[in-house]
Structures are given as structure tokens and as C-alpha cells.
């Protein structure tokens, strides 16, 4: 947006400079009127002109598509909020609102004057007679005049001719046109300069119509001086005393030949071409030409050395960056995935790690060799206890001998290769494992059958109450006393139990 405003303003500034230096003082007012209006439209349109240049870029077919979501996940993007655009747009919209309201106010005030004051219709215009002392001015087909001066015929006919020229040539349409653009481009000072020049050229056109009616130049100039006052005219109207009287006097005396008009017009062609070339938009489009590589079956699943080195270089550059600041270009990701697809399994295993192209995981390590298992009766007997063995050594030797005699799996020895051999016990010598402990509930049920006295928190309870408590809360602590006697006692408590003998 900023680039567009700069280009458009530069075009308009050059057009206005050309007008000031070459056209303003020439007596070619109709051409200047068209030039000023067209310069605004052309300045707005030139930045939209686009020239596209196609260039051919060789490209190798990329067989792997990289999704945008994957690529974006590899980039560390700082999405901090920038408030400056919101501030600028808010200021711009406030300006549009202000100038829009100002335009509406000026238009409504003129329409109210038309509706509330007497009007006299002529052949070419309508005179609106006002009570206040005003400078004659025009809007569309209405000419606003002081009622007293008009009825006493104190307004010179030259002034009426001047205002009628504004009506006939529809100068108010030009003013409305530039006012609308001023609402949108209120921030551009060149709009106000253009508006001033358009209004001044309207005065040149009206002055020329008065001179054409046969009015003496000196007489008309005296009338202009008489009507030059500090009175303000409405913004949307065209008044006789609008601009510099001295400049208007100079232009009145100027005559321009057709040859001069044509020569100055021809200057616009190279100027327009230069502006289009300088401020239009130029697009360079890379037209990719697919180079289909003839890859044989042998090389189809193996990247070349150059490609393998290129992949490792890009991956290494990415891995060397700080962990929380890693950034990779999209084209690099596409290139790496293409090379990775061509790699053989060996190359993938040797390649640098990269998040989007992870090398295959290494094969799982071989499981540790299980120790040799032999039956106890197939094993050589353990050595006897040495005569000079210490007490601790005698205990260890005895444990080994007992394990061998009982067929216990705790007996392990080393074979000739130095490998551990674990005993698998003989079935006939296997010692059965101890039975699993009873649950607290089963224990209480069993004790209830033995005429047991139960206590809960040191208070005597029945067996049924004890069983109910354990069913509701199996974490209750249990302690029994004389469980094998005739009158056993069982203590239940939520707290650790301490029983005094």
C-alpha cells in the first residue's frame, strides 16, 4: 500500500510540475482542463499497470510433495503483534470521516440557500437572490447574487457573463469530482494543489468568454479588481475573485498558436511513456522447465555423491543452529526430501539427522545370550569343602553342595568355555514352594470357627462384626494372640497394633 501511494504521488507531482513549467501560462485552457483531470486518473492508474516477464529456470522433477503445515512447523516464526498499521488505518479513516462530513455540510448549505431564497430563471442559468452581502459565485446551474445589488442593477454585466460561463461549461462538475477524490486522498497535499489549479483554470476559461463578448480588456480588469475582496465563497462554488488577479491578467494577454499547442501536447507522449516505464509494476515469473532425468534401475534408489554431500550440508547447517531458533527454507526442505527419497538404506543410515527426513532407526541390539541350562543330575558334583576353608567359605561351599543335592536352581557353575551354566532342578528333587498367605478376611473367618474373641479398637465385638469390618475395609490391621490355643484372641484396629504380653 505504501509503495502504491509513493508511486501514484510521484506521477501526480511530475504531471503538476510539467503543468506549471509548460502549460499554465499558455492560452489553451480547454486542453489544460482535460490535462488536469486526466493527470489525477492516470496517476492513480499507472501503478496498477503490470508487465510480466517470463524467464526459464531448469527444474528437476520433485517426486515428494512437502505440505505447508510440515514446512511451517520447521520454522520458528515470531508472531508478535504490530500495532502501527492499526494506528495508521484508524487515523486515515478519521480523516475520511472528517472530510466526508465537511463535504456533506458544504453541499447541504448550498442546497438550503437554493431552497430558501427567491430564484429568477434565465435562459442559461437560475439566479438565486440572497439577502447577505456575498461575492457572486456559481454552483451547477445556479448563480448566487446579492438581492439588493441585483435589483438595483449595480452588478456589472461582465460579472454575470463570467458566472454564466461557469454554468455553461459545467465547471462545478470538475469541483465535485476533485472534492470526492479529496475525501479519499485527504492526506496527499498534491490533491489540494491540483484542486487550486483546476479552479484557477476555470477562471481562465470564464475570463476568455467575457473577452470574446467584446468587453474591453482594461475595463474587465478594473471590474475584477473591484470585486477582489476578502469575502469567502462556499467551498463547492466558483467565485469571480477566486485566485490571483495578477496571474489572470497575465494569461488574458497571452496568445498561443496552434503550432505551440501541438508541440506542447507532443511532449506529453514521452512523459507518459517514461512514467509508465518508471512507476508500473514489473513481475518476473520463473517458468520452470522440467528436465526429466533418465535414471536407470541401479541409480534409482541411490543418491549420487554430490547429492548426498548436499543433503548432509543442508542438514548440518540446520542442526548447528540454536535449538529454539532453527529455521529452514522451504526450497531446502523440498530439495532434501527429494534427495532423501533417492538414498539407499545405507546412505540413510549415514546421513545427518533432520526432522523432516529422519534416518531409519538402527537395528535393535541382539538379545543377550541365555545362560546354558542343564539338569541337575547331568552336572558335575561340586567340589568338597577344603580343609583350610574359613567359616564363611565353609558356609558358601555348603550352600552350593545343598543346592546340588536338592536340584535347586541356585546352583550355577562355569563350563570349559567360561560361560555360566544354571541348574534346572530334577523334578524328583524339586522342593514345592510354600503356600500363599491367607487373606485377612479368610483368616478372620477361619478364626471365627475356633471360638475366637475379637476386639476392635480395644472393644470387644462379635465375629460377624469383625467379618463385616474387613469386608468394608481390607486395610484394617490384624493381630492374633494364642491363635493355636483353646481361646484365641484377634485384635482389629485402623492404627498399628501393639500388644503387651
Protein backbone atom coordinates (compact mmCIF):
# COMPACT_ATOMS: atom_id res chain seq x y z
CA UNK A 1 0.00 0.00 0.00
CA UNK A 2 2.77 2.44 0.89
CA UNK A 3 4.60 1.62 -2.34
CA UNK A 4 1.43 2.34 -4.34
CA UNK A 5 0.89 5.72 -2.65
CA UNK A 6 4.51 6.72 -3.31
CA UNK A 7 4.30 5.76 -7.00
CA UNK A 8 0.94 7.46 -7.51
CA UNK A 9 2.08 10.66 -5.76
CA UNK A 10 5.31 10.75 -7.77
CA UNK A 11 3.34 10.52 -11.03
CA UNK A 12 0.96 13.31 -9.98
CA UNK A 13 3.87 15.51 -8.84
CA UNK A 14 5.57 15.15 -12.25
CA UNK A 15 2.32 15.98 -14.07
CA UNK A 16 1.82 19.09 -11.93
CA UNK A 17 5.43 20.17 -12.44
CA UNK A 18 5.03 19.82 -16.21
CA UNK A 19 1.81 21.86 -15.99
CA UNK A 20 3.49 24.66 -14.02
CA UNK A 21 6.53 24.89 -16.27
CA UNK A 22 4.98 24.33 -19.71
CA UNK A 23 1.18 24.70 -19.78
CA UNK A 24 -0.14 27.04 -17.09
CA UNK A 25 0.57 30.40 -18.79
CA UNK A 26 -0.50 29.23 -22.24
CA UNK A 27 -3.87 30.24 -23.71
CA UNK A 28 -5.05 26.62 -24.21
CA UNK A 29 -7.47 26.39 -21.32
CA UNK A 30 -9.73 23.60 -22.61
CA UNK A 31 -6.71 21.35 -23.13
CA UNK A 32 -5.42 22.27 -19.66
CA UNK A 33 -8.79 21.41 -18.13
CA UNK A 34 -8.67 17.94 -19.65
CA UNK A 35 -4.98 17.59 -18.73
CA UNK A 36 -5.52 18.38 -15.04
CA UNK A 37 -8.42 15.97 -14.64
CA UNK A 38 -6.70 13.24 -16.64
CA UNK A 39 -3.45 13.62 -14.70
CA UNK A 40 -5.19 12.54 -11.49
CA UNK A 41 -6.82 9.50 -13.12
CA UNK A 42 -3.62 8.46 -14.90
CA UNK A 43 -1.53 8.87 -11.73
CA UNK A 44 -3.90 6.56 -9.87
CA UNK A 45 -3.89 4.02 -12.70
CA UNK A 46 -0.18 3.80 -13.64
CA UNK A 47 0.89 1.77 -10.55
CA UNK A 48 -1.76 -0.81 -11.48
CA UNK A 49 -0.19 -1.39 -14.89
CA UNK A 50 1.76 -4.63 -14.75
CA UNK A 51 4.36 -6.00 -17.13
CA UNK A 52 5.15 -9.69 -16.78
CA UNK A 53 8.48 -11.14 -17.85
CA UNK A 54 8.89 -14.89 -18.08
CA UNK A 55 12.27 -16.49 -17.51
CA UNK A 56 13.01 -20.18 -17.86
CA UNK A 57 14.51 -21.93 -14.87
CA UNK A 58 15.60 -25.56 -15.13
CA UNK A 59 13.98 -27.77 -12.56
CA UNK A 60 14.41 -31.39 -11.61
CA UNK A 61 11.15 -33.19 -11.02
CA UNK A 62 10.37 -33.25 -7.34
CA UNK A 63 8.70 -36.53 -6.56
CA UNK A 64 7.88 -35.67 -2.95
CA UNK A 65 5.32 -33.01 -2.07
CA UNK A 66 6.01 -31.02 1.05
CA UNK A 67 2.92 -29.94 2.87
CA UNK A 68 2.69 -26.35 4.04
CA UNK A 69 1.91 -27.44 7.59
CA UNK A 70 5.09 -29.54 7.80
CA UNK A 71 7.22 -26.76 6.39
CA UNK A 72 5.80 -24.18 8.73
CA UNK A 73 6.41 -26.43 11.70
CA UNK A 74 10.15 -26.28 10.94
CA UNK A 75 10.25 -22.52 11.06
CA UNK A 76 10.46 -20.52 14.22
CA UNK A 77 8.12 -17.62 13.45
CA UNK A 78 7.81 -14.75 15.83
CA UNK A 79 4.17 -13.75 15.60
CA UNK A 80 4.41 -10.59 17.63
CA UNK A 81 1.57 -8.11 17.23
CA UNK A 82 2.41 -4.90 15.34
CA UNK A 83 0.10 -2.04 16.28
CA UNK A 84 1.42 0.60 13.83
CA UNK A 85 -0.84 -0.46 10.90
CA UNK A 86 -3.91 -0.26 13.16
CA UNK A 87 -2.93 3.25 14.28
CA UNK A 88 -2.34 4.44 10.70
CA UNK A 89 -5.59 2.97 9.40
CA UNK A 90 -7.51 4.50 12.29
CA UNK A 91 -6.03 7.94 11.54
CA UNK A 92 -6.80 7.55 7.84
CA UNK A 93 -10.43 6.59 8.46
CA UNK A 94 -10.87 9.53 10.85
CA UNK A 95 -9.62 11.85 8.10
CA UNK A 96 -12.00 10.30 5.58
CA UNK A 97 -14.86 10.78 8.05
CA UNK A 98 -13.91 14.43 8.71
CA UNK A 99 -13.61 15.44 5.05
CA UNK A 100 -16.72 13.45 4.15
CA UNK A 101 -18.74 15.31 6.77
CA UNK A 102 -17.25 18.64 5.63
CA UNK A 103 -18.22 17.91 2.01
CA UNK A 104 -21.75 16.95 3.09
CA UNK A 105 -22.08 20.11 5.19
CA UNK A 106 -20.98 22.41 2.33
CA UNK A 107 -23.31 20.67 -0.12
CA UNK A 108 -26.27 20.89 2.27
CA UNK A 109 -25.65 24.60 2.96
CA UNK A 110 -25.75 25.38 -0.77
CA UNK A 111 -28.90 23.34 -1.27
CA UNK A 112 -30.56 25.13 1.66
CA UNK A 113 -29.71 28.52 0.10
CA UNK A 114 -31.28 27.40 -3.15
CA UNK A 115 -34.49 26.18 -1.47
CA UNK A 116 -34.95 29.09 0.99
CA UNK A 117 -34.28 32.11 -1.27
CA UNK A 118 -36.10 33.56 -4.28
CA UNK A 119 -34.94 32.45 -7.71
CA UNK A 120 -35.07 34.01 -11.16
CA UNK A 121 -34.81 31.62 -14.08
CA UNK A 122 -32.92 32.74 -17.17
CA UNK A 123 -32.29 31.02 -20.48
CA UNK A 124 -28.96 29.51 -19.37
CA UNK A 125 -29.00 29.75 -15.59
CA UNK A 126 -31.02 30.39 -12.44
CA UNK A 127 -30.22 33.40 -10.28
CA UNK A 128 -30.55 32.82 -6.52
CA UNK A 129 -31.04 36.15 -4.73
CA UNK A 130 -29.61 36.30 -1.19
CA UNK A 131 -30.05 38.95 1.49
CA UNK A 132 -26.45 38.79 2.73
CA UNK A 133 -23.63 40.63 1.00
CA UNK A 134 -21.76 37.98 -0.99
CA UNK A 135 -19.36 37.68 -3.87
CA UNK A 136 -21.13 36.33 -6.98
CA UNK A 137 -20.48 32.62 -7.29
CA UNK A 138 -21.83 29.62 -9.17
CA UNK A 139 -22.83 26.04 -8.39
CA UNK A 140 -24.13 23.84 -11.19
CA UNK A 141 -26.78 25.95 -12.97
CA UNK A 142 -27.33 28.32 -10.02
CA UNK A 143 -25.72 31.79 -9.75
CA UNK A 144 -25.77 33.25 -6.25
CA UNK A 145 -26.13 37.09 -6.16
CA UNK A 146 -26.88 39.79 -3.62
CA UNK A 147 -30.56 40.63 -3.98
CA UNK A 148 -30.23 44.39 -3.40
CA UNK A 149 -27.33 44.84 -5.83
CA UNK A 150 -29.06 42.72 -8.47
CA UNK A 151 -32.38 44.57 -8.26
CA UNK A 152 -30.67 47.99 -8.39
CA UNK A 153 -28.57 46.73 -11.35
CA UNK A 154 -25.31 47.50 -9.59
CA UNK A 155 -23.77 44.16 -10.63
CA UNK A 156 -21.87 44.68 -13.92
CA UNK A 157 -22.99 42.61 -16.89
CA UNK A 158 -19.40 41.40 -17.28
CA UNK A 159 -19.71 39.65 -13.92
CA UNK A 160 -22.95 37.97 -14.98
CA UNK A 161 -21.31 36.84 -18.24
CA UNK A 162 -18.40 35.44 -16.25
CA UNK A 163 -20.70 33.45 -13.96
CA UNK A 164 -22.82 32.21 -16.86
CA UNK A 165 -19.65 30.89 -18.47
CA UNK A 166 -19.09 28.75 -15.35
CA UNK A 167 -22.65 27.42 -15.69
CA UNK A 168 -22.46 26.67 -19.42
CA UNK A 169 -19.08 24.94 -19.18
CA UNK A 170 -20.22 22.90 -16.13
CA UNK A 171 -17.19 23.76 -14.02
CA UNK A 172 -18.99 22.62 -10.87
CA UNK A 173 -18.74 19.01 -12.05
CA UNK A 174 -14.95 19.31 -12.02
CA UNK A 175 -15.08 20.66 -8.47
CA UNK A 176 -17.33 17.83 -7.29
CA UNK A 177 -15.01 15.33 -8.96
CA UNK A 178 -11.89 16.62 -7.21
CA UNK A 179 -13.76 17.01 -3.87
CA UNK A 180 -14.67 13.31 -3.87
CA UNK A 181 -11.05 12.36 -4.52
CA UNK A 182 -10.01 14.76 -1.76
CA UNK A 183 -12.12 12.79 0.74
CA UNK A 184 -10.28 9.57 -0.13
CA UNK A 185 -6.81 11.10 -0.58
CA UNK A 186 -7.06 13.79 2.09
CA UNK A 187 -3.53 13.05 3.35
CA UNK A 188 -1.92 13.87 -0.02
CA UNK A 189 -1.02 17.59 -0.33
CA UNK A 190 -0.82 17.26 -4.12
CA UNK A 191 -4.62 16.92 -4.23
CA UNK A 192 -5.02 20.44 -2.82
CA UNK A 193 -2.51 21.84 -5.33
CA UNK A 194 -4.37 20.13 -8.16
CA UNK A 195 -7.69 21.49 -6.89
CA UNK A 196 -6.29 25.02 -6.80
CA UNK A 197 -5.02 24.76 -10.37
CA UNK A 198 -8.33 23.35 -11.62
CA UNK A 199 -10.24 26.28 -10.07
CA UNK A 200 -7.78 28.80 -11.45
CA UNK A 201 -8.12 27.30 -14.93
CA UNK A 202 -11.91 27.66 -14.61
CA UNK A 203 -11.33 31.38 -14.11
CA UNK A 204 -9.15 31.48 -17.22
CA UNK A 205 -11.96 29.87 -19.23
CA UNK A 206 -14.60 32.26 -17.86
CA UNK A 207 -12.34 35.29 -18.44
CA UNK A 208 -11.84 34.23 -22.05
CA UNK A 209 -15.62 34.03 -22.59
CA UNK A 210 -16.02 37.59 -21.26
CA UNK A 211 -13.28 38.88 -23.62
CA UNK A 212 -14.96 37.07 -26.54
CA UNK A 213 -18.15 39.09 -25.90
CA UNK A 214 -16.25 42.23 -26.91
CA UNK A 215 -15.62 43.59 -23.45
CA UNK A 216 -12.58 45.84 -23.23
CA UNK A 217 -9.65 44.13 -21.52
CA UNK A 218 -8.85 47.17 -19.39
CA UNK A 219 -12.48 47.61 -18.36
CA UNK A 220 -12.81 43.98 -17.38
CA UNK A 221 -9.59 44.09 -15.38
CA UNK A 222 -10.89 47.09 -13.43
CA UNK A 223 -14.08 45.14 -12.64
CA UNK A 224 -12.03 42.20 -11.38
CA UNK A 225 -10.06 44.50 -9.11
CA UNK A 226 -13.27 46.00 -7.78
CA UNK A 227 -14.67 42.56 -6.91
CA UNK A 228 -11.45 41.32 -5.35
CA UNK A 229 -12.23 41.31 -1.65
CA UNK A 230 -11.58 39.16 1.33
CA UNK A 231 -15.04 37.65 1.26
CA UNK A 232 -15.13 33.89 1.36
CA UNK A 233 -17.15 31.87 -1.14
CA UNK A 234 -18.56 28.39 -0.47
CA UNK A 235 -16.10 25.54 -0.97
CA UNK A 236 -18.09 23.87 -3.76
CA UNK A 237 -18.79 27.09 -5.68
CA UNK A 238 -16.80 29.04 -8.27
CA UNK A 239 -16.39 32.74 -7.46
CA UNK A 240 -15.17 35.61 -9.59
CA UNK A 241 -12.44 36.59 -7.15
CA UNK A 242 -11.13 33.07 -6.50
CA UNK A 243 -7.47 33.28 -7.35
CA UNK A 244 -4.52 35.50 -8.13
CA UNK A 245 -5.67 38.53 -10.13
CA UNK A 246 -2.13 39.23 -11.37
CA UNK A 247 -1.79 35.75 -12.89
CA UNK A 248 -5.18 36.07 -14.58
CA UNK A 249 -4.23 39.43 -16.07
CA UNK A 250 -1.06 37.86 -17.48
CA UNK A 251 -2.91 34.94 -19.08
CA UNK A 252 -5.55 37.26 -20.59
CA UNK A 253 -2.83 38.94 -22.65
CA UNK A 254 -1.25 35.67 -23.78
CA UNK A 255 -1.99 34.14 -27.14
CA UNK A 256 -0.85 30.64 -28.15
CA UNK A 257 -0.56 29.46 -31.71
CA UNK A 258 -1.81 26.06 -32.83
CA UNK A 259 1.76 25.02 -33.51
CA UNK A 260 2.77 25.77 -29.92
CA UNK A 261 -0.24 23.87 -28.62
CA UNK A 262 0.64 20.81 -30.74
CA UNK A 263 4.30 20.88 -29.75
CA UNK A 264 3.46 21.03 -26.03
CA UNK A 265 0.95 18.26 -26.47
CA UNK A 266 3.54 16.05 -28.14
CA UNK A 267 5.82 16.45 -25.15
CA UNK A 268 3.25 14.53 -23.13
CA UNK A 269 3.81 11.30 -25.07
CA UNK A 270 7.41 10.69 -23.98
CA UNK A 271 6.50 11.96 -20.49
CA UNK A 272 3.65 9.45 -20.24
CA UNK A 273 5.87 6.63 -21.56
CA UNK A 274 8.56 7.50 -19.01
CA UNK A 275 6.07 7.47 -16.14
CA UNK A 276 4.60 4.13 -17.19
CA UNK A 277 8.06 2.61 -17.51
CA UNK A 278 9.24 4.02 -14.17
CA UNK A 279 6.20 3.51 -11.93
CA UNK A 280 4.37 0.49 -13.34
CA UNK A 281 4.64 -2.91 -11.67
CA UNK A 282 7.11 -5.38 -13.14
CA UNK A 283 6.68 -9.07 -12.41
CA UNK A 284 9.31 -11.69 -13.15
CA UNK A 285 7.78 -15.13 -13.36
CA UNK A 286 10.06 -18.14 -13.33
CA UNK A 287 8.78 -20.56 -15.92
CA UNK A 288 10.06 -23.89 -14.77
CA UNK A 289 11.13 -26.28 -17.50
CA UNK A 290 11.08 -29.88 -16.38
CA UNK A 291 14.24 -31.77 -17.16
CA UNK A 292 13.32 -35.43 -16.98
CA UNK A 293 16.39 -37.33 -15.88
CA UNK A 294 16.85 -40.80 -17.35
CA UNK A 295 17.57 -42.73 -14.18
CA UNK A 296 18.41 -46.39 -14.52
CA UNK A 297 17.16 -49.02 -12.11
CA UNK A 298 20.58 -49.21 -10.48
CA UNK A 299 20.74 -45.50 -9.63
CA UNK A 300 17.03 -45.00 -8.95
CA UNK A 301 17.40 -45.92 -5.28
CA UNK A 302 20.77 -44.37 -4.64
CA UNK A 303 21.68 -40.69 -4.46
CA UNK A 304 24.85 -39.51 -6.13
CA UNK A 305 27.82 -38.46 -4.04
CA UNK A 306 27.18 -34.79 -4.84
CA UNK A 307 23.53 -35.07 -3.77
CA UNK A 308 24.44 -36.98 -0.62
CA UNK A 309 27.00 -34.28 0.27
CA UNK A 310 24.45 -31.55 -0.47
CA UNK A 311 21.89 -33.20 1.85
CA UNK A 312 24.41 -33.52 4.67
CA UNK A 313 25.50 -29.90 4.24
CA UNK A 314 21.92 -28.56 4.50
CA UNK A 315 21.05 -30.83 7.43
CA UNK A 316 24.28 -29.94 9.28
CA UNK A 317 23.61 -26.21 8.81
CA UNK A 318 20.15 -26.68 10.33
CA UNK A 319 21.42 -28.76 13.27
CA UNK A 320 24.16 -26.21 14.11
CA UNK A 321 21.57 -23.50 14.82
CA UNK A 322 20.34 -22.95 18.41
CA UNK A 323 17.58 -25.38 19.28
CA UNK A 324 14.87 -22.72 19.73
CA UNK A 325 15.91 -20.64 16.69
CA UNK A 326 16.14 -23.25 13.97
CA UNK A 327 14.87 -22.02 10.60
CA UNK A 328 14.98 -23.79 7.24
CA UNK A 329 13.90 -22.54 3.83
CA UNK A 330 11.03 -24.27 2.06
CA UNK A 331 13.07 -24.92 -1.10
CA UNK A 332 15.80 -26.52 1.02
CA UNK A 333 13.23 -28.82 2.63
CA UNK A 334 11.92 -29.85 -0.80
CA UNK A 335 15.43 -30.47 -2.07
CA UNK A 336 16.39 -32.54 0.98
CA UNK A 337 13.26 -34.67 0.77
CA UNK A 338 13.90 -35.32 -2.92
CA UNK A 339 17.49 -36.45 -2.21
CA UNK A 340 16.36 -38.48 0.81
CA UNK A 341 13.87 -40.39 -1.34
CA UNK A 342 16.68 -41.38 -3.71
CA UNK A 343 19.02 -42.55 -0.94
CA UNK A 344 19.72 -46.18 -0.32
CA UNK A 345 19.24 -47.64 3.13
CA UNK A 346 22.97 -47.44 3.76
CA UNK A 347 23.07 -43.78 2.81
CA UNK A 348 20.07 -43.02 5.05
CA UNK A 349 21.82 -44.64 7.98
CA UNK A 350 24.92 -42.48 7.43
CA UNK A 351 23.05 -39.23 6.68
CA UNK A 352 22.85 -36.28 9.06
CA UNK A 353 19.61 -36.34 11.13
CA UNK A 354 16.91 -33.93 10.00
CA UNK A 355 13.35 -33.53 11.46
CA UNK A 356 11.53 -33.89 8.15
CA UNK A 357 13.75 -36.73 6.84
CA UNK A 358 14.67 -38.89 9.85
CA UNK A 359 17.16 -41.62 9.09
CA UNK A 360 15.91 -45.16 9.68
CA UNK A 361 16.28 -46.32 13.29
CA UNK A 362 19.30 -48.54 13.95
CA UNK A 363 18.55 -52.27 14.16
CA UNK A 364 17.69 -53.45 17.68
CA UNK A 365 20.63 -54.90 19.60
CA UNK A 366 20.92 -58.66 19.69
CA UNK A 367 19.38 -60.14 22.83
CA UNK A 368 21.92 -61.34 25.41
CA UNK A 369 22.81 -64.97 25.10
CA UNK A 370 20.81 -67.00 27.56
CA UNK A 371 22.90 -68.96 30.01
CA UNK A 372 23.20 -72.64 29.32
CA UNK A 373 20.54 -74.65 31.12
CA UNK A 374 21.27 -78.20 32.28
CA UNK A 375 19.50 -80.70 34.50
CA UNK A 376 20.93 -81.14 37.95
CA UNK A 377 21.70 -84.83 37.50
CA UNK A 378 23.76 -84.04 34.38
CA UNK A 379 26.03 -81.61 36.20
CA UNK A 380 29.36 -82.48 37.75
CA UNK A 381 29.27 -82.56 41.55
CA UNK A 382 30.51 -79.51 43.43
CA UNK A 383 33.99 -79.63 44.90
CA UNK A 384 34.37 -80.74 48.53
CA UNK A 385 34.93 -78.25 51.30
CA UNK A 386 38.64 -77.55 51.61
CA UNK A 387 40.18 -78.42 54.94
CA UNK A 388 41.71 -74.97 55.38
CA UNK A 389 38.49 -73.07 54.48
CA UNK A 390 37.33 -70.34 56.83
CA UNK A 391 33.91 -70.37 58.47
CA UNK A 392 32.41 -68.04 55.86
CA UNK A 393 33.88 -70.08 52.99
CA UNK A 394 32.55 -73.27 54.55
CA UNK A 395 29.02 -71.74 54.59
CA UNK A 396 29.28 -70.85 50.86
CA UNK A 397 30.61 -74.29 49.92
CA UNK A 398 27.86 -75.95 51.95
CA UNK A 399 25.15 -73.87 50.20
CA UNK A 400 26.48 -74.99 46.82
CA UNK A 401 26.51 -78.65 47.90
CA UNK A 402 22.96 -78.38 49.27
CA UNK A 403 21.78 -76.72 46.03
CA UNK A 404 23.26 -79.55 44.00
CA UNK A 405 21.79 -82.26 46.25
CA UNK A 406 18.31 -80.66 46.20
CA UNK A 407 18.34 -79.82 42.48
CA UNK A 408 17.98 -76.11 43.38
CA UNK A 409 18.18 -73.52 40.54
CA UNK A 410 20.56 -71.54 42.73
CA UNK A 411 23.39 -73.80 41.74
CA UNK A 412 25.47 -72.20 38.93
CA UNK A 413 28.91 -73.09 37.70
CA UNK A 414 31.18 -72.18 34.75
CA UNK A 415 31.78 -74.62 31.93
CA UNK A 416 35.01 -75.12 30.00
CA UNK A 417 34.29 -72.05 27.81
CA UNK A 418 33.91 -69.83 30.87
CA UNK A 419 30.15 -69.48 30.38
CA UNK A 420 27.66 -69.56 33.25
CA UNK A 421 25.54 -72.71 33.45
CA UNK A 422 22.35 -72.52 35.52
CA UNK A 423 20.84 -75.61 37.10
CA UNK A 424 17.39 -76.81 36.07
CA UNK A 425 16.30 -78.86 39.09
CA UNK A 426 15.30 -82.50 38.77
CA UNK A 427 11.59 -82.99 39.15
CA UNK A 428 12.02 -85.65 41.77
CA UNK A 429 14.22 -83.36 43.88
CA UNK A 430 12.20 -80.14 43.50
CA UNK A 431 11.05 -78.61 46.77
CA UNK A 432 7.46 -77.35 46.44
CA UNK A 433 7.04 -73.63 47.02
CA UNK A 434 5.32 -72.53 50.24
CA UNK A 435 1.56 -71.95 50.00
CA UNK A 436 0.45 -68.32 49.51
CA UNK A 437 -0.53 -66.47 52.73
CA UNK A 438 -4.17 -66.26 53.61
CA UNK A 439 -6.04 -63.02 53.11
CA UNK A 440 -7.10 -61.11 56.27
CA UNK A 441 -10.76 -61.91 55.61
CA UNK A 442 -10.09 -65.66 55.23
CA UNK A 443 -8.02 -65.59 58.40
CA UNK A 444 -10.82 -63.92 60.39
CA UNK A 445 -13.40 -66.38 59.01
CA UNK A 446 -11.18 -69.30 59.96
CA UNK A 447 -10.59 -67.87 63.45
CA UNK A 448 -14.31 -67.28 63.94
CA UNK A 449 -14.79 -71.05 63.74
CA UNK A 450 -12.40 -71.55 66.69
CA UNK A 451 -14.43 -69.67 69.28
CA UNK A 452 -12.14 -66.65 68.95
CA UNK A 453 -12.69 -63.44 70.86
CA UNK A 454 -12.47 -60.36 68.58
CA UNK A 455 -11.53 -56.82 69.61
CA UNK A 456 -11.85 -53.64 67.53
CA UNK A 457 -10.07 -50.58 68.84
CA UNK A 458 -9.75 -52.45 72.23
CA UNK A 459 -13.52 -53.01 72.40
CA UNK A 460 -14.96 -56.49 72.19
CA UNK A 461 -17.03 -57.26 69.06
CA UNK A 462 -18.70 -60.33 67.60
CA UNK A 463 -17.21 -62.43 64.81
CA UNK A 464 -19.90 -61.24 62.40
CA UNK A 465 -18.99 -57.62 63.11
CA UNK A 466 -15.31 -58.44 62.59
CA UNK A 467 -16.05 -60.09 59.21
CA UNK A 468 -18.23 -57.10 58.20
CA UNK A 469 -15.46 -54.63 59.11
CA UNK A 470 -12.93 -56.48 56.95
CA UNK A 471 -15.33 -56.66 54.00
CA UNK A 472 -15.80 -52.89 54.19
CA UNK A 473 -12.15 -52.05 54.82
CA UNK A 474 -9.49 -54.61 53.97
CA UNK A 475 -6.69 -52.30 55.15
CA UNK A 476 -7.54 -52.87 58.82
CA UNK A 477 -4.59 -54.12 60.84
CA UNK A 478 -4.94 -57.60 62.41
CA UNK A 479 -3.04 -59.16 65.25
CA UNK A 480 -3.74 -62.54 66.84
CA UNK A 481 -2.79 -63.88 70.25
CA UNK A 482 -2.77 -67.54 71.14
CA UNK A 483 -4.24 -68.45 67.75
CA UNK A 484 -3.49 -72.13 68.34
CA UNK A 485 -4.92 -72.21 71.91
CA UNK A 486 -8.44 -73.06 73.02
CA UNK A 487 -9.46 -69.36 73.47
CA UNK A 488 -7.57 -67.36 70.82
CA UNK A 489 -7.87 -63.59 70.59
CA UNK A 490 -7.77 -61.41 67.46
CA UNK A 491 -7.29 -57.66 67.59
CA UNK A 492 -8.53 -55.33 64.80
CA UNK A 493 -7.54 -51.69 64.50
CA UNK A 494 -7.11 -48.94 61.94
CA UNK A 495 -3.91 -47.95 63.68
CA UNK A 496 -0.77 -50.09 64.15
CA UNK A 497 -1.42 -52.64 66.94
CA UNK A 498 0.84 -53.04 69.97
CA UNK A 499 0.01 -55.95 72.24
CA UNK A 500 1.56 -56.34 75.67
CA UNK A 501 2.37 -59.90 76.72
